[in-house]
Amino acid sequence: MLIYQCNKCEITKQLSKIVMKIIDNKVCHIGSECPKCGEYMQEVEKEFGGFPSLKRTEPTLSNRKDKLWGGVKDRLK
């Protein structure tokens, strides 16, 4: 979660996704505009939720190591 705060109005806003664009040679976070004054808010902090644990269950990955090792042994002969 990203937390943004307006420098003028002191309003805070939490965003989970942002889009970054370069406008007038400045990096702007689209969606982080202040609802009161319309200025872009400044990022205050990020909440870090940890790394996701992914399990790849594709059938092609089950014997991938065996196929790679077999190919290397054939090439080295």
PDB file of N, CA and C in Angstrom:
ATOM      1  N   MET A   1       0.839  -1.170   0.000  1.00  0.00           N
ATOM      2  CA  MET A   1       0.000   0.000   0.000  1.00  0.00           C
ATOM      3  C   MET A   1       0.890   1.240   0.000  1.00  0.00           C
ATOM      4  N   LEU A   2       0.561   2.186  -0.821  1.00  0.00           N
ATOM      5  CA  LEU A   2       1.301   3.440  -0.885  1.00  0.00           C
ATOM      6  C   LEU A   2       0.477   4.526  -0.208  1.00  0.00           C
ATOM      7  N   ILE A   3       1.127   5.321   0.611  1.00  0.00           N
ATOM      8  CA  ILE A   3       0.438   6.398   1.313  1.00  0.00           C
ATOM      9  C   ILE A   3       0.982   7.730   0.799  1.00  0.00           C
ATOM     10  N   TYR A   4       0.088   8.579   0.323  1.00  0.00           N
ATOM     11  CA  TYR A   4       0.433   9.886  -0.216  1.00  0.00           C
ATOM     12  C   TYR A   4      -0.157  10.976   0.672  1.00  0.00           C
ATOM     13  N   GLN A   5       0.542  12.137   0.731  1.00  0.00           N
ATOM     14  CA  GLN A   5       0.072  13.261   1.531  1.00  0.00           C
ATOM     15  C   GLN A   5       0.243  14.540   0.729  1.00  0.00           C
ATOM     16  N   CYS A   6      -0.777  15.393   0.755  1.00  0.00           N
ATOM     17  CA  CYS A   6      -0.729  16.687   0.077  1.00  0.00           C
ATOM     18  C   CYS A   6       0.075  17.665   0.928  1.00  0.00           C
ATOM     19  N   ASN A   7       0.991  18.383   0.307  1.00  0.00           N
ATOM     20  CA  ASN A   7       1.811  19.343   1.039  1.00  0.00           C
ATOM     21  C   ASN A   7       1.026  20.586   1.450  1.00  0.00           C
ATOM     22  N   LYS A   8      -0.020  20.921   0.701  1.00  0.00           N
ATOM     23  CA  LYS A   8      -0.797  22.126   0.998  1.00  0.00           C
ATOM     24  C   LYS A   8      -1.947  21.845   1.959  1.00  0.00           C
ATOM     25  N   CYS A   9      -2.724  20.792   1.694  1.00  0.00           N
ATOM     26  CA  CYS A   9      -3.964  20.538   2.433  1.00  0.00           C
ATOM     27  C   CYS A   9      -3.804  19.543   3.581  1.00  0.00           C
ATOM     28  N   GLU A  10      -2.658  18.855   3.664  1.00  0.00           N
ATOM     29  CA  GLU A  10      -2.411  17.838   4.700  1.00  0.00           C
ATOM     30  C   GLU A  10      -3.393  16.661   4.623  1.00  0.00           C
ATOM     31  N   ILE A  11      -3.963  16.404   3.446  1.00  0.00           N
ATOM     32  CA  ILE A  11      -4.859  15.275   3.255  1.00  0.00           C
ATOM     33  C   ILE A  11      -4.008  14.060   2.897  1.00  0.00           C
ATOM     34  N   THR A  12      -4.315  12.900   3.464  1.00  0.00           N
ATOM     35  CA  THR A  12      -3.597  11.672   3.121  1.00  0.00           C
ATOM     36  C   THR A  12      -4.508  10.756   2.315  1.00  0.00           C
ATOM     37  N   LYS A  13      -3.884   9.924   1.482  1.00  0.00           N
ATOM     38  CA  LYS A  13      -4.619   9.041   0.595  1.00  0.00           C
ATOM     39  C   LYS A  13      -3.828   7.748   0.449  1.00  0.00           C
ATOM     40  N   GLN A  14      -4.514   6.604   0.504  1.00  0.00           N
ATOM     41  CA  GLN A  14      -3.868   5.301   0.330  1.00  0.00           C
ATOM     42  C   GLN A  14      -4.190   4.763  -1.050  1.00  0.00           C
ATOM     43  N   LEU A  15      -3.149   4.325  -1.756  1.00  0.00           N
ATOM     44  CA  LEU A  15      -3.318   3.764  -3.092  1.00  0.00           C
ATOM     45  C   LEU A  15      -2.614   2.417  -3.145  1.00  0.00           C
ATOM     46  N   SER A  16      -3.219   1.467  -3.857  1.00  0.00           N
ATOM     47  CA  SER A  16      -2.576   0.166  -4.004  1.00  0.00           C
ATOM     48  C   SER A  16      -1.870   0.052  -5.356  1.00  0.00           C
ATOM     49  N   LYS A  17      -2.317   0.805  -6.357  1.00  0.00           N
ATOM     50  CA  LYS A  17      -1.698   0.796  -7.681  1.00  0.00           C
ATOM     51  C   LYS A  17      -1.543   2.224  -8.161  1.00  0.00           C
ATOM     52  N   ILE A  18      -0.450   2.484  -8.891  1.00  0.00           N
ATOM     53  CA  ILE A  18      -0.245   3.806  -9.473  1.00  0.00           C
ATOM     54  C   ILE A  18       0.268   3.649 -10.893  1.00  0.00           C
ATOM     55  N   VAL A  19       0.127   4.706 -11.656  1.00  0.00           N
ATOM     56  CA  VAL A  19       0.693   4.787 -12.993  1.00  0.00           C
ATOM     57  C   VAL A  19       1.619   5.993 -12.985  1.00  0.00           C
ATOM     58  N   MET A  20       2.871   5.765 -13.382  1.00  0.00           N
ATOM     59  CA  MET A  20       3.847   6.852 -13.397  1.00  0.00           C
ATOM     60  C   MET A  20       3.965   7.394 -14.814  1.00  0.00           C
ATOM     61  N   LYS A  21       3.914   8.730 -14.939  1.00  0.00           N
ATOM     62  CA  LYS A  21       4.079   9.393 -16.233  1.00  0.00           C
ATOM     63  C   LYS A  21       5.023  10.571 -16.057  1.00  0.00           C
ATOM     64  N   ILE A  22       5.703  10.915 -17.147  1.00  0.00           N
ATOM     65  CA  ILE A  22       6.568  12.088 -17.135  1.00  0.00           C
ATOM     66  C   ILE A  22       5.791  13.242 -17.748  1.00  0.00           C
ATOM     67  N   ILE A  23       5.537  14.272 -16.947  1.00  0.00           N
ATOM     68  CA  ILE A  23       4.800  15.455 -17.384  1.00  0.00           C
ATOM     69  C   ILE A  23       5.673  16.663 -17.077  1.00  0.00           C
ATOM     70  N   ASP A  24       6.025  17.446 -18.082  1.00  0.00           N
ATOM     71  CA  ASP A  24       6.893  18.628 -17.945  1.00  0.00           C
ATOM     72  C   ASP A  24       8.209  18.266 -17.264  1.00  0.00           C
ATOM     73  N   ASN A  25       8.842  17.174 -17.702  1.00  0.00           N
ATOM     74  CA  ASN A  25      10.124  16.690 -17.175  1.00  0.00           C
ATOM     75  C   ASN A  25      10.083  16.352 -15.690  1.00  0.00           C
ATOM     76  N   LYS A  26       8.925  16.020 -15.173  1.00  0.00           N
ATOM     77  CA  LYS A  26       8.775  15.577 -13.788  1.00  0.00           C
ATOM     78  C   LYS A  26       8.009  14.268 -13.780  1.00  0.00           C
ATOM     79  N   VAL A  27       8.391  13.367 -12.885  1.00  0.00           N
ATOM     80  CA  VAL A  27       7.686  12.097 -12.752  1.00  0.00           C
ATOM     81  C   VAL A  27       6.454  12.331 -11.890  1.00  0.00           C
ATOM     82  N   CYS A  28       5.281  12.051 -12.439  1.00  0.00           N
ATOM     83  CA  CYS A  28       4.017  12.238 -11.729  1.00  0.00           C
ATOM     84  C   CYS A  28       3.339  10.890 -11.540  1.00  0.00           C
ATOM     85  N   HIS A  29       2.726  10.711 -10.410  1.00  0.00           N
ATOM     86  CA  HIS A  29       1.979   9.496 -10.109  1.00  0.00           C
ATOM     87  C   HIS A  29       0.513   9.781 -10.374  1.00  0.00           C
ATOM     88  N   ILE A  30       0.013   9.245 -11.483  1.00  0.00           N
ATOM     89  CA  ILE A  30      -1.379   9.473 -11.866  1.00  0.00           C
ATOM     90  C   ILE A  30      -2.281   8.770 -10.856  1.00  0.00           C
ATOM     91  N   GLY A  31      -3.274   9.464 -10.365  1.00  0.00           N
ATOM     92  CA  GLY A  31      -4.166   8.925  -9.351  1.00  0.00           C
ATOM     93  C   GLY A  31      -3.855   9.463  -7.971  1.00  0.00           C
ATOM     94  N   SER A  32      -2.717  10.172  -7.843  1.00  0.00           N
ATOM     95  CA  SER A  32      -2.356  10.706  -6.530  1.00  0.00           C
ATOM     96  C   SER A  32      -2.652  12.202  -6.425  1.00  0.00           C
ATOM     97  N   GLU A  33      -3.596  12.673  -7.225  1.00  0.00           N
ATOM     98  CA  GLU A  33      -3.965  14.086  -7.166  1.00  0.00           C
ATOM     99  C   GLU A  33      -4.786  14.353  -5.906  1.00  0.00           C
ATOM    100  N   CYS A  34      -4.592  15.514  -5.320  1.00  0.00           N
ATOM    101  CA  CYS A  34      -5.351  15.903  -4.129  1.00  0.00           C
ATOM    102  C   CYS A  34      -6.789  16.218  -4.539  1.00  0.00           C
ATOM    103  N   PRO A  35      -7.780  15.653  -3.846  1.00  0.00           N
ATOM    104  CA  PRO A  35      -9.169  15.930  -4.221  1.00  0.00           C
ATOM    105  C   PRO A  35      -9.595  17.376  -3.938  1.00  0.00           C
ATOM    106  N   LYS A  36      -8.873  18.057  -3.064  1.00  0.00           N
ATOM    107  CA  LYS A  36      -9.252  19.417  -2.688  1.00  0.00           C
ATOM    108  C   LYS A  36      -8.607  20.474  -3.596  1.00  0.00           C
ATOM    109  N   CYS A  37      -7.254  20.410  -3.769  1.00  0.00           N
ATOM    110  CA  CYS A  37      -6.567  21.450  -4.533  1.00  0.00           C
ATOM    111  C   CYS A  37      -6.118  20.998  -5.916  1.00  0.00           C
ATOM    112  N   GLY A  38      -6.096  19.697  -6.190  1.00  0.00           N
ATOM    113  CA  GLY A  38      -5.734  19.201  -7.503  1.00  0.00           C
ATOM    114  C   GLY A  38      -4.245  19.008  -7.738  1.00  0.00           C
ATOM    115  N   GLU A  39      -3.390  19.363  -6.781  1.00  0.00           N
ATOM    116  CA  GLU A  39      -1.942  19.166  -6.904  1.00  0.00           C
ATOM    117  C   GLU A  39      -1.603  17.695  -6.709  1.00  0.00           C
ATOM    118  N   TYR A  40      -0.450  17.269  -7.249  1.00  0.00           N
ATOM    119  CA  TYR A  40      -0.002  15.898  -7.029  1.00  0.00           C
ATOM    120  C   TYR A  40       0.516  15.763  -5.600  1.00  0.00           C
ATOM    121  N   MET A  41       0.142  14.663  -4.966  1.00  0.00           N
ATOM    122  CA  MET A  41       0.557  14.421  -3.594  1.00  0.00           C
ATOM    123  C   MET A  41       1.947  13.810  -3.560  1.00  0.00           C
ATOM    124  N   GLN A  42       2.610  13.920  -2.413  1.00  0.00           N
ATOM    125  CA  GLN A  42       3.944  13.365  -2.229  1.00  0.00           C
ATOM    126  C   GLN A  42       3.834  12.018  -1.513  1.00  0.00           C
ATOM    127  N   GLU A  43       4.631  11.064  -1.951  1.00  0.00           N
ATOM    128  CA  GLU A  43       4.621   9.735  -1.331  1.00  0.00           C
ATOM    129  C   GLU A  43       5.272   9.824   0.052  1.00  0.00           C
ATOM    130  N   VAL A  44       4.547   9.366   1.065  1.00  0.00           N
ATOM    131  CA  VAL A  44       5.034   9.449   2.435  1.00  0.00           C
ATOM    132  C   VAL A  44       5.692   8.141   2.844  1.00  0.00           C
ATOM    133  N   GLU A  45       5.017   7.014   2.653  1.00  0.00           N
ATOM    134  CA  GLU A  45       5.575   5.733   3.057  1.00  0.00           C
ATOM    135  C   GLU A  45       4.948   4.601   2.261  1.00  0.00           C
ATOM    136  N   LYS A  46       5.629   3.470   2.318  1.00  0.00           N
ATOM    137  CA  LYS A  46       5.141   2.249   1.685  1.00  0.00           C
ATOM    138  C   LYS A  46       4.974   1.208   2.777  1.00  0.00           C
ATOM    139  N   GLU A  47       3.875   0.492   2.729  1.00  0.00           N
ATOM    140  CA  GLU A  47       3.693  -0.634   3.634  1.00  0.00           C
ATOM    141  C   GLU A  47       4.172  -1.871   2.902  1.00  0.00           C
ATOM    142  N   PHE A  48       5.152  -2.557   3.457  1.00  0.00           N
ATOM    143  CA  PHE A  48       5.729  -3.729   2.809  1.00  0.00           C
ATOM    144  C   PHE A  48       5.057  -4.962   3.371  1.00  0.00           C
ATOM    145  N   GLY A  49       4.397  -5.721   2.496  1.00  0.00           N
ATOM    146  CA  GLY A  49       3.670  -6.910   2.920  1.00  0.00           C
ATOM    147  C   GLY A  49       4.462  -8.196   2.782  1.00  0.00           C
ATOM    148  N   GLY A  50       5.720  -8.108   2.395  1.00  0.00           N
ATOM    149  CA  GLY A  50       6.538  -9.299   2.244  1.00  0.00           C
ATOM    150  C   GLY A  50       6.532  -9.799   0.812  1.00  0.00           C
ATOM    151  N   PHE A  51       7.294 -10.822   0.584  1.00  0.00           N
ATOM    152  CA  PHE A  51       7.384 -11.403  -0.742  1.00  0.00           C
ATOM    153  C   PHE A  51       6.316 -12.482  -0.918  1.00  0.00           C
ATOM    154  N   PRO A  52       5.707 -12.541  -2.078  1.00  0.00           N
ATOM    155  CA  PRO A  52       4.704 -13.591  -2.296  1.00  0.00           C
ATOM    156  C   PRO A  52       5.381 -14.947  -2.463  1.00  0.00           C
ATOM    157  N   SER A  53       4.691 -15.978  -2.081  1.00  0.00           N
ATOM    158  CA  SER A  53       5.222 -17.320  -2.304  1.00  0.00           C
ATOM    159  C   SER A  53       4.446 -17.928  -3.465  1.00  0.00           C
ATOM    160  N   LEU A  54       5.149 -18.187  -4.544  1.00  0.00           N
ATOM    161  CA  LEU A  54       4.530 -18.705  -5.752  1.00  0.00           C
ATOM    162  C   LEU A  54       4.947 -20.150  -5.948  1.00  0.00           C
ATOM    163  N   LYS A  55       4.008 -20.970  -6.316  1.00  0.00           N
ATOM    164  CA  LYS A  55       4.294 -22.355  -6.662  1.00  0.00           C
ATOM    165  C   LYS A  55       3.973 -22.528  -8.132  1.00  0.00           C
ATOM    166  N   ARG A  56       4.986 -22.897  -8.892  1.00  0.00           N
ATOM    167  CA  ARG A  56       4.793 -23.110 -10.316  1.00  0.00           C
ATOM    168  C   ARG A  56       4.383 -24.554 -10.522  1.00  0.00           C
ATOM    169  N   THR A  57       3.227 -24.758 -11.098  1.00  0.00           N
ATOM    170  CA  THR A  57       2.680 -26.110 -11.267  1.00  0.00           C
ATOM    171  C   THR A  57       2.564 -26.515 -12.726  1.00  0.00           C
ATOM    172  N   GLU A  58       3.311 -25.836 -13.577  1.00  0.00           N
ATOM    173  CA  GLU A  58       3.229 -26.172 -14.993  1.00  0.00           C
ATOM    174  C   GLU A  58       3.889 -27.524 -15.240  1.00  0.00           C
ATOM    175  N   PRO A  59       3.295 -28.376 -16.059  1.00  0.00           N
ATOM    176  CA  PRO A  59       3.865 -29.716 -16.270  1.00  0.00           C
ATOM    177  C   PRO A  59       5.227 -29.689 -16.953  1.00  0.00           C
ATOM    178  N   THR A  60       5.542 -28.638 -17.694  1.00  0.00           N
ATOM    179  CA  THR A  60       6.835 -28.581 -18.388  1.00  0.00           C
ATOM    180  C   THR A  60       7.984 -28.322 -17.425  1.00  0.00           C
ATOM    181  N   LEU A  61       7.716 -27.838 -16.225  1.00  0.00           N
ATOM    182  CA  LEU A  61       8.773 -27.532 -15.272  1.00  0.00           C
ATOM    183  C   LEU A  61       9.169 -28.718 -14.406  1.00  0.00           C
ATOM    184  N   SER A  62       8.388 -29.786 -14.411  1.00  0.00           N
ATOM    185  CA  SER A  62       8.645 -30.886 -13.494  1.00  0.00           C
ATOM    186  C   SER A  62       9.956 -31.599 -13.794  1.00  0.00           C
ATOM    187  N   ASN A  63      10.289 -31.809 -15.049  1.00  0.00           N
ATOM    188  CA  ASN A  63      11.517 -32.511 -15.401  1.00  0.00           C
ATOM    189  C   ASN A  63      12.494 -31.596 -16.132  1.00  0.00           C
ATOM    190  N   ARG A  64      12.418 -30.339 -15.898  1.00  0.00           N
ATOM    191  CA  ARG A  64      13.233 -29.386 -16.636  1.00  0.00           C
ATOM    192  C   ARG A  64      14.724 -29.602 -16.378  1.00  0.00           C
ATOM    193  N   LYS A  65      15.097 -29.848 -15.133  1.00  0.00           N
ATOM    194  CA  LYS A  65      16.508 -30.027 -14.811  1.00  0.00           C
ATOM    195  C   LYS A  65      17.069 -31.265 -15.505  1.00  0.00           C
ATOM    196  N   ASP A  66      16.294 -32.327 -15.564  1.00  0.00           N
ATOM    197  CA  ASP A  66      16.755 -33.553 -16.205  1.00  0.00           C
ATOM    198  C   ASP A  66      16.994 -33.332 -17.697  1.00  0.00           C
ATOM    199  N   LYS A  67      16.118 -32.598 -18.348  1.00  0.00           N
ATOM    200  CA  LYS A  67      16.265 -32.352 -19.773  1.00  0.00           C
ATOM    201  C   LYS A  67      17.488 -31.490 -20.059  1.00  0.00           C
ATOM    202  N   LEU A  68      17.727 -30.490 -19.224  1.00  0.00           N
ATOM    203  CA  LEU A  68      18.883 -29.628 -19.439  1.00  0.00           C
ATOM    204  C   LEU A  68      20.176 -30.404 -19.259  1.00  0.00           C
ATOM    205  N   TRP A  69      20.276 -31.223 -18.236  1.00  0.00           N
ATOM    206  CA  TRP A  69      21.492 -31.980 -17.981  1.00  0.00           C
ATOM    207  C   TRP A  69      21.745 -32.995 -19.083  1.00  0.00           C
ATOM    208  N   GLY A  70      20.697 -33.635 -19.571  1.00  0.00           N
ATOM    209  CA  GLY A  70      20.847 -34.591 -20.661  1.00  0.00           C
ATOM    210  C   GLY A  70      21.355 -33.926 -21.927  1.00  0.00           C
ATOM    211  N   GLY A  71      20.869 -32.751 -22.235  1.00  0.00           N
ATOM    212  CA  GLY A  71      21.318 -32.011 -23.414  1.00  0.00           C
ATOM    213  C   GLY A  71      22.766 -31.593 -23.322  1.00  0.00           C
ATOM    214  N   VAL A  72      23.217 -31.231 -22.127  1.00  0.00           N
ATOM    215  CA  VAL A  72      24.610 -30.818 -21.924  1.00  0.00           C
ATOM    216  C   VAL A  72      25.534 -32.030 -22.069  1.00  0.00           C
ATOM    217  N   LYS A  73      25.136 -33.162 -21.519  1.00  0.00           N
ATOM    218  CA  LYS A  73      25.971 -34.364 -21.624  1.00  0.00           C
ATOM    219  C   LYS A  73      26.130 -34.783 -23.079  1.00  0.00           C
ATOM    220  N   ASP A  74      25.087 -34.681 -23.885  1.00  0.00           N
ATOM    221  CA  ASP A  74      25.174 -35.058 -25.297  1.00  0.00           C
ATOM    222  C   ASP A  74      26.099 -34.120 -26.065  1.00  0.00           C
ATOM    223  N   ARG A  75      26.070 -32.844 -25.761  1.00  0.00           N
ATOM    224  CA  ARG A  75      26.900 -31.870 -26.460  1.00  0.00           C
ATOM    225  C   ARG A  75      28.372 -32.005 -26.096  1.00  0.00           C
ATOM    226  N   LEU A  76      28.679 -32.409 -24.880  1.00  0.00           N
ATOM    227  CA  LEU A  76      30.068 -32.523 -24.440  1.00  0.00           C
ATOM    228  C   LEU A  76      30.774 -33.770 -24.946  1.00  0.00           C
ATOM    229  N   LYS A  77      30.055 -34.733 -25.436  1.00  0.00           N
ATOM    230  CA  LYS A  77      30.675 -35.987 -25.911  1.00  0.00           C
ATOM    231  C   LYS A  77      31.426 -35.786 -27.184  1.00  0.00           C
TER     232      LYS A  77
END
